[in-house]
């Protein structure tokens, strides 16, 4: 079961969602390690992503 839902949004309006071509996308995260890896990848992404994390209880 997912522990978090993350939303990544490009601060510069670049395409993030591969399906719709929109500037934001959501992803279910299943572990704390996966969350750390996602945040590290987003920090290095050239699209200047803002990431919000919503815990699921």
N, C-alpha and C. Protein backbone atom coordinates (compact mmCIF):
# COMPACT_ATOMS: atom_id res chain seq x y z
N UNK A 1 0.83 -1.17 0.00
CA UNK A 1 0.00 0.00 0.00
C UNK A 1 0.88 1.25 0.00
N UNK A 2 0.48 2.26 -0.71
CA UNK A 2 1.26 3.49 -0.82
C UNK A 2 1.32 4.22 0.52
N UNK A 3 2.49 4.81 0.80
CA UNK A 3 2.67 5.59 2.03
C UNK A 3 2.53 7.08 1.77
N UNK A 4 2.85 7.51 0.54
CA UNK A 4 2.84 8.93 0.20
C UNK A 4 2.30 9.13 -1.22
N UNK A 5 1.82 10.32 -1.49
CA UNK A 5 1.56 10.76 -2.85
C UNK A 5 2.40 12.01 -3.05
N UNK A 6 3.23 12.01 -4.08
CA UNK A 6 4.05 13.18 -4.36
C UNK A 6 3.53 13.85 -5.63
N UNK A 7 3.61 15.16 -5.64
CA UNK A 7 3.26 15.94 -6.82
C UNK A 7 4.51 16.71 -7.22
N UNK A 8 4.91 16.56 -8.47
CA UNK A 8 6.05 17.29 -9.01
C UNK A 8 5.52 18.28 -10.03
N UNK A 9 5.87 19.55 -9.84
CA UNK A 9 5.42 20.61 -10.73
C UNK A 9 6.63 21.40 -11.21
N UNK A 10 6.70 21.62 -12.50
CA UNK A 10 7.79 22.42 -13.07
C UNK A 10 7.55 23.89 -12.79
N UNK A 11 8.51 24.54 -12.14
CA UNK A 11 8.39 25.98 -11.86
C UNK A 11 8.47 26.81 -13.13
N UNK A 12 9.01 26.23 -14.19
CA UNK A 12 9.17 26.96 -15.45
C UNK A 12 8.12 26.57 -16.49
N UNK A 13 7.15 25.72 -16.10
CA UNK A 13 6.07 25.34 -17.01
C UNK A 13 6.43 24.27 -18.01
N UNK A 14 7.56 23.61 -17.83
CA UNK A 14 7.97 22.56 -18.76
C UNK A 14 7.12 21.30 -18.56
N UNK A 15 7.09 20.48 -19.57
CA UNK A 15 6.32 19.24 -19.56
C UNK A 15 6.86 18.28 -18.50
N UNK A 16 5.98 17.82 -17.61
CA UNK A 16 6.34 16.84 -16.59
C UNK A 16 5.51 15.57 -16.79
N UNK A 17 4.23 15.72 -17.12
CA UNK A 17 3.34 14.59 -17.31
C UNK A 17 3.47 14.09 -18.75
N UNK A 18 3.98 12.89 -18.91
CA UNK A 18 4.21 12.34 -20.24
C UNK A 18 2.92 12.03 -20.99
N UNK A 19 1.82 11.81 -20.28
CA UNK A 19 0.55 11.45 -20.91
C UNK A 19 -0.18 12.70 -21.41
N UNK A 20 -0.33 13.68 -20.52
CA UNK A 20 -1.11 14.88 -20.88
C UNK A 20 -0.25 16.03 -21.39
N UNK A 21 1.05 15.96 -21.14
CA UNK A 21 1.93 17.06 -21.52
C UNK A 21 1.87 18.23 -20.56
N UNK A 22 1.22 18.05 -19.42
CA UNK A 22 1.07 19.12 -18.44
C UNK A 22 2.33 19.36 -17.63
N UNK A 23 2.36 20.50 -16.90
CA UNK A 23 3.54 20.86 -16.12
C UNK A 23 3.61 20.20 -14.74
N UNK A 24 2.67 19.30 -14.42
CA UNK A 24 2.74 18.62 -13.13
C UNK A 24 2.27 17.17 -13.27
N UNK A 25 2.68 16.35 -12.30
CA UNK A 25 2.31 14.94 -12.31
C UNK A 25 2.32 14.44 -10.87
N UNK A 26 1.57 13.38 -10.60
CA UNK A 26 1.53 12.77 -9.28
C UNK A 26 2.01 11.33 -9.37
N UNK A 27 2.56 10.85 -8.24
CA UNK A 27 3.08 9.49 -8.19
C UNK A 27 2.86 8.94 -6.80
N UNK A 28 2.48 7.67 -6.71
CA UNK A 28 2.37 6.98 -5.43
C UNK A 28 3.76 6.49 -5.03
N UNK A 29 4.10 6.65 -3.76
CA UNK A 29 5.39 6.23 -3.21
C UNK A 29 5.12 5.19 -2.14
N UNK A 30 5.85 4.08 -2.18
CA UNK A 30 5.55 2.94 -1.32
C UNK A 30 6.51 2.75 -0.15
N UNK A 31 7.63 3.48 -0.10
CA UNK A 31 8.56 3.33 1.02
C UNK A 31 9.30 4.64 1.24
N UNK A 32 9.91 4.74 2.43
CA UNK A 32 10.70 5.93 2.74
C UNK A 32 11.92 6.03 1.82
N UNK A 33 12.51 4.89 1.49
CA UNK A 33 13.66 4.88 0.60
C UNK A 33 13.26 5.38 -0.79
N UNK A 34 12.13 4.92 -1.29
CA UNK A 34 11.65 5.37 -2.60
C UNK A 34 11.40 6.89 -2.57
N UNK A 35 10.90 7.40 -1.46
CA UNK A 35 10.66 8.84 -1.33
C UNK A 35 11.98 9.59 -1.39
N UNK A 36 12.99 9.13 -0.67
CA UNK A 36 14.32 9.79 -0.71
C UNK A 36 14.89 9.76 -2.13
N UNK A 37 14.76 8.64 -2.81
CA UNK A 37 15.28 8.54 -4.18
C UNK A 37 14.54 9.48 -5.12
N UNK A 38 13.22 9.57 -4.97
CA UNK A 38 12.43 10.47 -5.81
C UNK A 38 12.83 11.92 -5.57
N UNK A 39 12.98 12.30 -4.30
CA UNK A 39 13.36 13.68 -3.98
C UNK A 39 14.74 14.01 -4.52
N UNK A 40 15.68 13.07 -4.46
CA UNK A 40 17.02 13.31 -4.99
C UNK A 40 16.98 13.47 -6.51
N UNK A 41 16.20 12.63 -7.17
CA UNK A 41 16.08 12.73 -8.63
C UNK A 41 15.41 14.04 -9.03
N UNK A 42 14.40 14.46 -8.28
CA UNK A 42 13.71 15.72 -8.58
C UNK A 42 14.63 16.91 -8.39
N UNK A 43 15.48 16.86 -7.37
CA UNK A 43 16.41 17.96 -7.11
C UNK A 43 17.42 18.11 -8.24
N UNK A 44 17.77 17.00 -8.90
CA UNK A 44 18.74 17.03 -9.99
C UNK A 44 18.08 17.24 -11.35
N UNK A 45 16.76 17.27 -11.40
CA UNK A 45 16.04 17.37 -12.68
C UNK A 45 16.18 18.77 -13.27
N UNK A 46 16.49 18.88 -14.56
CA UNK A 46 16.67 20.20 -15.18
C UNK A 46 15.38 21.00 -15.37
N UNK A 47 14.23 20.40 -15.09
CA UNK A 47 12.96 21.13 -15.27
C UNK A 47 12.60 22.00 -14.07
N UNK A 48 13.50 22.09 -13.07
CA UNK A 48 13.29 22.92 -11.88
C UNK A 48 11.98 22.54 -11.20
N UNK A 49 11.94 21.34 -10.64
CA UNK A 49 10.71 20.78 -10.07
C UNK A 49 10.49 21.21 -8.62
N UNK A 50 9.26 21.54 -8.31
CA UNK A 50 8.82 21.73 -6.94
C UNK A 50 8.06 20.48 -6.57
N UNK A 51 8.45 19.85 -5.45
CA UNK A 51 7.85 18.59 -5.05
C UNK A 51 7.09 18.79 -3.74
N UNK A 52 5.84 18.36 -3.72
CA UNK A 52 5.07 18.33 -2.49
C UNK A 52 4.77 16.88 -2.14
N UNK A 53 4.81 16.58 -0.85
CA UNK A 53 4.61 15.22 -0.35
C UNK A 53 3.39 15.21 0.55
N UNK A 54 2.47 14.29 0.26
CA UNK A 54 1.27 14.13 1.10
C UNK A 54 1.28 12.73 1.69
N UNK A 55 1.43 12.60 3.00
CA UNK A 55 1.40 11.28 3.62
C UNK A 55 -0.01 10.68 3.54
N UNK A 56 -0.07 9.39 3.34
CA UNK A 56 -1.34 8.67 3.35
C UNK A 56 -1.44 7.88 4.64
N UNK A 57 -2.49 8.07 5.36
CA UNK A 57 -2.66 7.35 6.65
C UNK A 57 -3.67 6.25 6.53
